[in-house]
Amino acid sequence: MTKEFKTDAFESIHSSAEALLKIGAIDQATMREFDEACMAEASAENSDQEDSSELNS
């Protein structure tokens, strides 16, 4: 599964947050908030296609 961001700006923000997490400046709970804010939600159609392909494997 690849990460999909809402915009390029959110991708940059998320990248900075990952760096802050790595050095201990933010905690995992804060990182999850960045994940929710920055990551694009998978559409229902994409989720259905992924589920179907997993079942066919």
C-alpha atoms as a PDB file:
ATOM      1  CA  MET A   1       0.000   0.000   0.000  1.00  0.00           C
ATOM      2  CA  THR A   2       1.424   3.361  -1.002  1.00  0.00           C
ATOM      3  CA  LYS A   3       0.902   6.595   0.857  1.00  0.00           C
ATOM      4  CA  GLU A   4      -1.359   9.040  -0.925  1.00  0.00           C
ATOM      5  CA  PHE A   5      -1.455  12.619   0.268  1.00  0.00           C
ATOM      6  CA  LYS A   6      -4.172  15.221  -0.207  1.00  0.00           C
ATOM      7  CA  THR A   7      -1.728  17.655  -1.847  1.00  0.00           C
ATOM      8  CA  ASP A   8       2.007  18.155  -2.332  1.00  0.00           C
ATOM      9  CA  ALA A   9       1.937  20.627   0.555  1.00  0.00           C
ATOM     10  CA  PHE A  10       0.460  17.999   2.888  1.00  0.00           C
ATOM     11  CA  GLU A  11       3.144  15.571   1.730  1.00  0.00           C
ATOM     12  CA  SER A  12       5.828  18.082   2.768  1.00  0.00           C
ATOM     13  CA  ILE A  13       4.162  18.715   6.110  1.00  0.00           C
ATOM     14  CA  HIS A  14       3.888  14.980   6.764  1.00  0.00           C
ATOM     15  CA  SER A  15       7.533  14.479   5.842  1.00  0.00           C
ATOM     16  CA  SER A  16       8.548  17.143   8.356  1.00  0.00           C
ATOM     17  CA  ALA A  17       6.385  15.522  11.015  1.00  0.00           C
ATOM     18  CA  GLU A  18       8.067  12.160  10.333  1.00  0.00           C
ATOM     19  CA  ALA A  19      11.454  13.812  10.902  1.00  0.00           C
ATOM     20  CA  LEU A  20      10.203  15.312  14.176  1.00  0.00           C
ATOM     21  CA  LEU A  21       8.955  11.888  15.257  1.00  0.00           C
ATOM     22  CA  LYS A  22      12.301  10.325  14.424  1.00  0.00           C
ATOM     23  CA  ILE A  23      14.207  12.744  16.672  1.00  0.00           C
ATOM     24  CA  GLY A  24      11.625  12.503  19.455  1.00  0.00           C
ATOM     25  CA  ALA A  25      10.209  16.011  19.139  1.00  0.00           C
ATOM     26  CA  ILE A  26       6.655  14.661  18.731  1.00  0.00           C
ATOM     27  CA  ASP A  27       5.058  11.455  19.986  1.00  0.00           C
ATOM     28  CA  GLN A  28       3.256   8.687  18.108  1.00  0.00           C
ATOM     29  CA  ALA A  29      -0.180  10.079  19.011  1.00  0.00           C
ATOM     30  CA  THR A  30       0.708  13.410  17.414  1.00  0.00           C
ATOM     31  CA  MET A  31       2.038  11.590  14.351  1.00  0.00           C
ATOM     32  CA  ARG A  32      -1.297   9.797  13.964  1.00  0.00           C
ATOM     33  CA  GLU A  33      -2.971  13.221  13.932  1.00  0.00           C
ATOM     34  CA  PHE A  34      -0.651  14.277  11.108  1.00  0.00           C
ATOM     35  CA  ASP A  35      -1.493  11.037   9.285  1.00  0.00           C
ATOM     36  CA  GLU A  36      -5.215  11.790   9.520  1.00  0.00           C
ATOM     37  CA  ALA A  37      -4.771  15.409   8.448  1.00  0.00           C
ATOM     38  CA  CYS A  38      -2.385  14.807   5.552  1.00  0.00           C
ATOM     39  CA  MET A  39      -3.330  11.468   4.049  1.00  0.00           C
ATOM     40  CA  ALA A  40      -6.038  11.164   1.412  1.00  0.00           C
ATOM     41  CA  GLU A  41      -8.835   8.760   2.215  1.00  0.00           C
ATOM     42  CA  ALA A  42      -9.112   5.807  -0.127  1.00  0.00           C
ATOM     43  CA  SER A  43     -12.278   5.986  -2.155  1.00  0.00           C
ATOM     44  CA  ALA A  44     -14.781   3.171  -1.676  1.00  0.00           C
ATOM     45  CA  GLU A  45     -14.222   2.077  -5.273  1.00  0.00           C
ATOM     46  CA  ASN A  46     -10.465   1.709  -4.760  1.00  0.00           C
ATOM     47  CA  SER A  47     -10.992  -0.162  -1.494  1.00  0.00           C
ATOM     48  CA  ASP A  48     -13.405  -2.570  -3.180  1.00  0.00           C
ATOM     49  CA  GLN A  49     -10.942  -3.233  -5.986  1.00  0.00           C
ATOM     50  CA  GLU A  50      -8.125  -3.905  -3.513  1.00  0.00           C
ATOM     51  CA  ASP A  51     -10.334  -6.265  -1.490  1.00  0.00           C
ATOM     52  CA  SER A  52     -11.371  -8.148  -4.625  1.00  0.00           C
ATOM     53  CA  SER A  53      -7.815  -8.570  -5.853  1.00  0.00           C
ATOM     54  CA  GLU A  54      -6.770  -9.903  -2.429  1.00  0.00           C
ATOM     55  CA  LEU A  55      -9.542 -12.489  -2.553  1.00  0.00           C
ATOM     56  CA  ASN A  56      -8.548 -13.608  -6.038  1.00  0.00           C
ATOM     57  CA  SER A  57      -4.927 -14.191  -5.021  1.00  0.00           C
END
